[in-house]
């Protein structure tokens, strides 16, 4: 399993996105880099869930 280190700004961004889209699945990307054996997220980019039907349990980017 790979761990991605993120800062509070990223955590707040995807938490807010999830709360906004609830009860539907939300999706997005954590952008960053890999250095010295660790993954570091530096930006969150939300994406639209374009799944037709059952968006409460499925997503499609």
N, C-alpha and C. Protein backbone atom coordinates (compact mmCIF):
# COMPACT_ATOMS: atom_id res chain seq x y z
N UNK A 1 0.85 -1.18 0.00
CA UNK A 1 0.00 0.00 0.00
C UNK A 1 0.89 1.24 0.00
N UNK A 2 0.50 2.22 -0.79
CA UNK A 2 1.25 3.46 -0.87
C UNK A 2 0.52 4.55 -0.09
N UNK A 3 1.27 5.29 0.69
CA UNK A 3 0.72 6.41 1.44
C UNK A 3 1.03 7.69 0.69
N UNK A 4 0.05 8.58 0.61
CA UNK A 4 0.25 9.89 0.00
C UNK A 4 0.16 10.92 1.11
N UNK A 5 1.23 11.65 1.33
CA UNK A 5 1.24 12.71 2.33
C UNK A 5 0.55 13.94 1.75
N UNK A 6 -0.44 14.45 2.48
CA UNK A 6 -1.16 15.64 2.02
C UNK A 6 -1.19 16.68 3.14
N UNK A 7 -1.38 17.93 2.73
CA UNK A 7 -1.48 18.99 3.74
C UNK A 7 -2.95 19.25 4.07
N UNK A 8 -3.16 20.11 5.03
CA UNK A 8 -4.52 20.40 5.50
C UNK A 8 -5.38 21.04 4.41
N UNK A 9 -4.78 21.86 3.57
CA UNK A 9 -5.52 22.52 2.47
C UNK A 9 -6.13 21.48 1.53
N UNK A 10 -5.37 20.45 1.17
CA UNK A 10 -5.88 19.40 0.29
C UNK A 10 -6.97 18.61 1.00
N UNK A 11 -6.75 18.25 2.25
CA UNK A 11 -7.76 17.50 3.01
C UNK A 11 -9.07 18.28 3.10
N UNK A 12 -8.98 19.56 3.34
CA UNK A 12 -10.19 20.40 3.41
C UNK A 12 -10.88 20.49 2.06
N UNK A 13 -10.10 20.56 0.97
CA UNK A 13 -10.68 20.67 -0.37
C UNK A 13 -11.47 19.42 -0.74
N UNK A 14 -10.90 18.23 -0.51
CA UNK A 14 -11.67 17.05 -0.92
C UNK A 14 -12.76 16.71 0.07
N UNK A 15 -12.63 17.11 1.31
CA UNK A 15 -13.72 16.93 2.27
C UNK A 15 -14.91 17.82 1.87
N UNK A 16 -14.64 19.07 1.52
CA UNK A 16 -15.70 19.98 1.09
C UNK A 16 -16.36 19.47 -0.19
N UNK A 17 -15.58 18.93 -1.10
CA UNK A 17 -16.12 18.38 -2.35
C UNK A 17 -17.06 17.21 -2.04
N UNK A 18 -16.64 16.33 -1.15
CA UNK A 18 -17.48 15.19 -0.77
C UNK A 18 -18.78 15.63 -0.12
N UNK A 19 -18.70 16.62 0.75
CA UNK A 19 -19.90 17.13 1.41
C UNK A 19 -20.84 17.79 0.40
N UNK A 20 -20.29 18.49 -0.57
CA UNK A 20 -21.11 19.17 -1.59
C UNK A 20 -21.84 18.17 -2.47
N UNK A 21 -21.17 17.10 -2.86
CA UNK A 21 -21.75 16.12 -3.79
C UNK A 21 -22.59 15.05 -3.10
N UNK A 22 -22.51 14.94 -1.78
CA UNK A 22 -23.26 13.92 -1.05
C UNK A 22 -24.75 14.02 -1.38
N UNK A 23 -25.45 12.93 -1.62
CA UNK A 23 -25.11 11.54 -1.35
C UNK A 23 -24.43 10.82 -2.52
N UNK A 24 -24.09 11.55 -3.57
CA UNK A 24 -23.43 10.93 -4.72
C UNK A 24 -21.93 10.77 -4.47
N UNK A 25 -21.33 9.82 -5.16
CA UNK A 25 -19.89 9.66 -5.12
C UNK A 25 -19.25 10.89 -5.76
N UNK A 26 -18.19 11.38 -5.16
CA UNK A 26 -17.43 12.45 -5.79
C UNK A 26 -16.09 11.87 -6.22
N UNK A 27 -15.43 12.56 -7.10
CA UNK A 27 -14.14 12.07 -7.57
C UNK A 27 -13.24 13.25 -7.90
N UNK A 28 -11.96 12.96 -7.92
CA UNK A 28 -10.99 14.00 -8.22
C UNK A 28 -9.59 13.42 -8.24
N UNK A 29 -8.62 14.30 -8.33
CA UNK A 29 -7.22 13.91 -8.44
C UNK A 29 -6.39 14.64 -7.40
N UNK A 30 -5.47 13.92 -6.79
CA UNK A 30 -4.46 14.54 -5.95
C UNK A 30 -3.19 14.56 -6.78
N UNK A 31 -2.73 15.75 -7.11
CA UNK A 31 -1.53 15.91 -7.93
C UNK A 31 -0.33 16.13 -7.02
N UNK A 32 0.80 15.61 -7.41
CA UNK A 32 1.98 15.79 -6.58
C UNK A 32 3.21 15.17 -7.19
N UNK A 33 4.10 14.72 -6.31
CA UNK A 33 5.36 14.15 -6.77
C UNK A 33 5.82 13.04 -5.84
N UNK A 34 6.76 12.27 -6.32
CA UNK A 34 7.35 11.17 -5.57
C UNK A 34 8.82 11.50 -5.37
N UNK A 35 9.25 11.56 -4.10
CA UNK A 35 10.63 11.93 -3.80
C UNK A 35 11.11 11.18 -2.57
N UNK A 36 12.31 10.65 -2.66
CA UNK A 36 12.94 9.95 -1.54
C UNK A 36 12.04 8.86 -0.97
N UNK A 37 11.34 8.14 -1.86
CA UNK A 37 10.51 7.03 -1.43
C UNK A 37 9.16 7.41 -0.86
N UNK A 38 8.78 8.69 -0.95
CA UNK A 38 7.50 9.14 -0.42
C UNK A 38 6.70 9.89 -1.48
N UNK A 39 5.37 9.73 -1.42
CA UNK A 39 4.47 10.47 -2.31
C UNK A 39 3.97 11.70 -1.58
N UNK A 40 4.01 12.84 -2.24
CA UNK A 40 3.58 14.10 -1.65
C UNK A 40 2.53 14.75 -2.54
N UNK A 41 1.31 14.86 -2.04
CA UNK A 41 0.25 15.56 -2.76
C UNK A 41 0.42 17.05 -2.56
N UNK A 42 0.30 17.81 -3.64
CA UNK A 42 0.47 19.26 -3.53
C UNK A 42 -0.76 20.04 -4.00
N UNK A 43 -1.68 19.36 -4.69
CA UNK A 43 -2.88 20.05 -5.19
C UNK A 43 -4.02 19.05 -5.36
N UNK A 44 -5.24 19.49 -5.08
CA UNK A 44 -6.43 18.67 -5.33
C UNK A 44 -7.21 19.29 -6.47
N UNK A 45 -7.62 18.46 -7.43
CA UNK A 45 -8.42 18.92 -8.56
C UNK A 45 -9.69 18.07 -8.60
N UNK A 46 -10.83 18.70 -8.37
CA UNK A 46 -12.09 17.96 -8.40
C UNK A 46 -12.45 17.60 -9.84
N UNK A 47 -13.23 16.54 -9.98
CA UNK A 47 -13.71 16.09 -11.29
C UNK A 47 -15.19 15.78 -11.16
N UNK A 48 -15.90 15.92 -12.26
CA UNK A 48 -17.33 15.63 -12.26
C UNK A 48 -17.57 14.13 -12.33
N UNK A 49 -18.54 13.66 -11.57
CA UNK A 49 -18.98 12.27 -11.66
C UNK A 49 -20.03 12.21 -12.76
N UNK A 50 -19.66 11.65 -13.90
CA UNK A 50 -20.56 11.63 -15.06
C UNK A 50 -21.27 10.29 -15.22
N UNK A 51 -21.22 9.46 -14.20
CA UNK A 51 -21.89 8.16 -14.22
C UNK A 51 -23.39 8.38 -14.37
N UNK A 52 -24.01 7.61 -15.28
CA UNK A 52 -25.46 7.66 -15.44
C UNK A 52 -26.08 6.58 -14.57
N UNK A 53 -26.91 6.97 -13.63
CA UNK A 53 -27.55 6.02 -12.73
C UNK A 53 -26.63 5.55 -11.62
N UNK A 54 -27.21 5.27 -10.47
CA UNK A 54 -26.52 4.74 -9.29
C UNK A 54 -25.28 5.54 -8.91
N UNK A 55 -25.36 6.85 -9.00
CA UNK A 55 -24.22 7.70 -8.64
C UNK A 55 -23.96 7.71 -7.14
N UNK A 56 -24.89 7.14 -6.37
CA UNK A 56 -24.68 7.04 -4.93
C UNK A 56 -23.62 5.99 -4.60
N UNK A 57 -23.39 5.03 -5.51
CA UNK A 57 -22.45 3.95 -5.22
C UNK A 57 -21.40 3.74 -6.30
N UNK A 58 -21.48 4.50 -7.38
CA UNK A 58 -20.54 4.33 -8.50
C UNK A 58 -20.11 5.70 -9.01
N UNK A 59 -18.95 5.72 -9.67
CA UNK A 59 -18.51 6.96 -10.29
C UNK A 59 -17.84 6.68 -11.62
N UNK A 60 -17.80 7.70 -12.46
CA UNK A 60 -17.12 7.65 -13.75
C UNK A 60 -16.56 9.04 -14.00
N UNK A 61 -15.27 9.09 -14.27
CA UNK A 61 -14.62 10.37 -14.54
C UNK A 61 -14.54 10.56 -16.04
